[in-house]
Amino acid sequence: MTHPDVDQLDNTTKRKFFSWQMSEIKFTWLISLIFICFYNATFFNAVFKAAPIHDLKSAFFLLSISLLFFVLNTLLVSIIVFPKIVKPILAIIFIAAACVAYFMNAYGIVIHQTMIQNTMETDVKEATGLFNGTLALYIFVLGIIPSLLLLKIKINFGNFKHQAFSKAKLWGLCILAILILIAPFSADYASFFRNNKTIRQMANPANFIYATISYASASNKSVVIKPLGEDAKLNEKAAQLTKPTLFIVVVGETARADHFSINGYSKPTTPLIAQQDIINYRQVFSCGTETAVSVPCMFSNLTRAHYSDKKAKSQESLLDVLKHSGYSILWRDNNSSCKGTCDRVAYEDLRDFKIPELCNERECFDNILLNDIDKKVAAMNGNKVVVLHQKGSHGPDYYNRYPANLEIFKPVCKVNKLQDCSSEEINNAFDNSIHMTDLFLNNAIEWLKTQSSNYNTALIYLSDHGESLGEKNLYLHGMPYIIAPVEQKHVPFFFWFSPGFEQESGINRECLKAQAETEYSHDNLFHTTLGLLNVSTSLYKPELDMVGQCRH
């Protein structure tokens, strides 16, 4: 017969094994320590590079930074440590922090408000293109397992008075610790954070929590769209044209200027457009490093120096101004939307078409943008502008951007874990996507030639931003502009004009070619387009018109 006291002891032992009990302060310290130890490899790697140990003082400064980070994390965690809400909120944070840790560790990216905006505005296909076994492992080990272990922990909160006292004591200790840690190194801290402003954006989970709150706060505000360029009208030159205008703007995706052979790249990535009579510009730079910023910015009259998402979304864009002047506008999309730029003009989403020769089971290639374009343009009235928004070279799965028969450069990285591929494989996959863009652009120009008997035709091509392909251990794009490498900002740009458009517009081709090495940016698109399309408005700034000085 089992003794009752022994049974009671066994039950107590089982309860202790299956349920850990601790005070809310100890729980807060524990969770903070877990975040520090398992989710911040990128943060500490950046700190160690920015503040290397070379003497005893530098060693203590590094220790001070580490302890300060722990204390600040403790303050952050303490904000959500309340009965009933703490465990579900922490479960969400664990899973999100696991994803953030993966993307920072794998691609070298940092998390900020526009990165959250870009994430929220992406589509399912782009998101699934980022998913792989390593990300799933991160989510399981750093997201799901800690969330399940939360169920085993019993937090002793006590009554309301006890909770208030515990919080006050914890916050008091943290504030005291912060003062003690910073005081001996105040000058070092000032210099460190002044010279390394993006390190705070690597602090997980504080980085994405702050960025998400900032994005949500900005998104929740009601936006009143301010009319722009209501005075726009066609000028006297437009009235003298013998044909209506058909103008195409191709918005590229993730294309790097230095990977176009027309810009001197060693591999023949753009052999077709090299044979077209284009006017190419080698020194053009983007407004942002992600689509959510660059696309609205390039169609805005705001220069990059004065651009903000709030300003851009509260006013009309270039397309609206052209519409006010009498142009018919159509936006055709093979990407994840126009980011609000085309909200008031005709729009077509072509991503989910099922045309075997233009699509596979996963997605459509960019030539889908030319499908039935004859009929679409014929249905438009008067002078016409068509915007073609590419999928382009969007990564990390560059190998999905082109059909198998157009895999020219080999060997190719055929996984989305770029860190598992060689530099040659990554560059070959990316270059094949550029080669696909070359084919698409050539097809667009050839189609415009077929329309030249009825229209004065022209085309502008420019990319929204560039891409890092492993340089300095960085991949993809989206770095804060101030520290983003040139690979994420240097973009391709060229004009193609039909003889009729060029002649009737009075364009001096040799004058334009002489400016091929002049530095331009997305700031120039708004005013250059107005000038080329003979639109008169008080918004027009001739100094930003790339063609203005070369037009009679």
Foldseek 3Di string as FASTA:
>chain_A
DDDPVVVVVVVVVVLVVQAPEDALLVVLLVVLVCLLPPQQPLLLVVVCVLQPDDDPVSVLLSVLVSVLLSLVSSLVLLVQPDPPGNLVVVLVQQLVSLLLSVCCVQFVAFFAQVVVVLVVLFDPLLVVQQDDDVSVVSNVPRRVVVSVVVVRYDYDCDDPVSNVVVSVVSVVVSVVSNCVSCVVPVVVVVVSCVVVVRSVRSSPPVNVVVSVVVNVVLVPDDAAAAEDQLVKAFDPLCVVAPFAEEEEEEAAAAAFLQLDVVLPNPDPLQPLVVPAPWQWAQFAWFLALGQLQGLLQLFALDGSVGDDSNVSQRYAGLVSNVVSHPEAEEEEELGSDSNNHCPPHHYHDQWPDDDVVQADPSTGAQLSQVPVVVVVVVPTDTHYYYYRYGPQQADDQLQRRDDPVLQDQDDADRGRSLVVDDLSRSSSSSSSSSSSVSVSVSVVVVVVVVCVVRHFYKYKYKYSWHFDNCVVHHGGIDHGPVPGDVRGIRMIIIMHGDPSLCVSQQFDSVVLSVCSHPHYYSSLNSQLVCSSNNMDGPSHDLVSRSRNVRTD
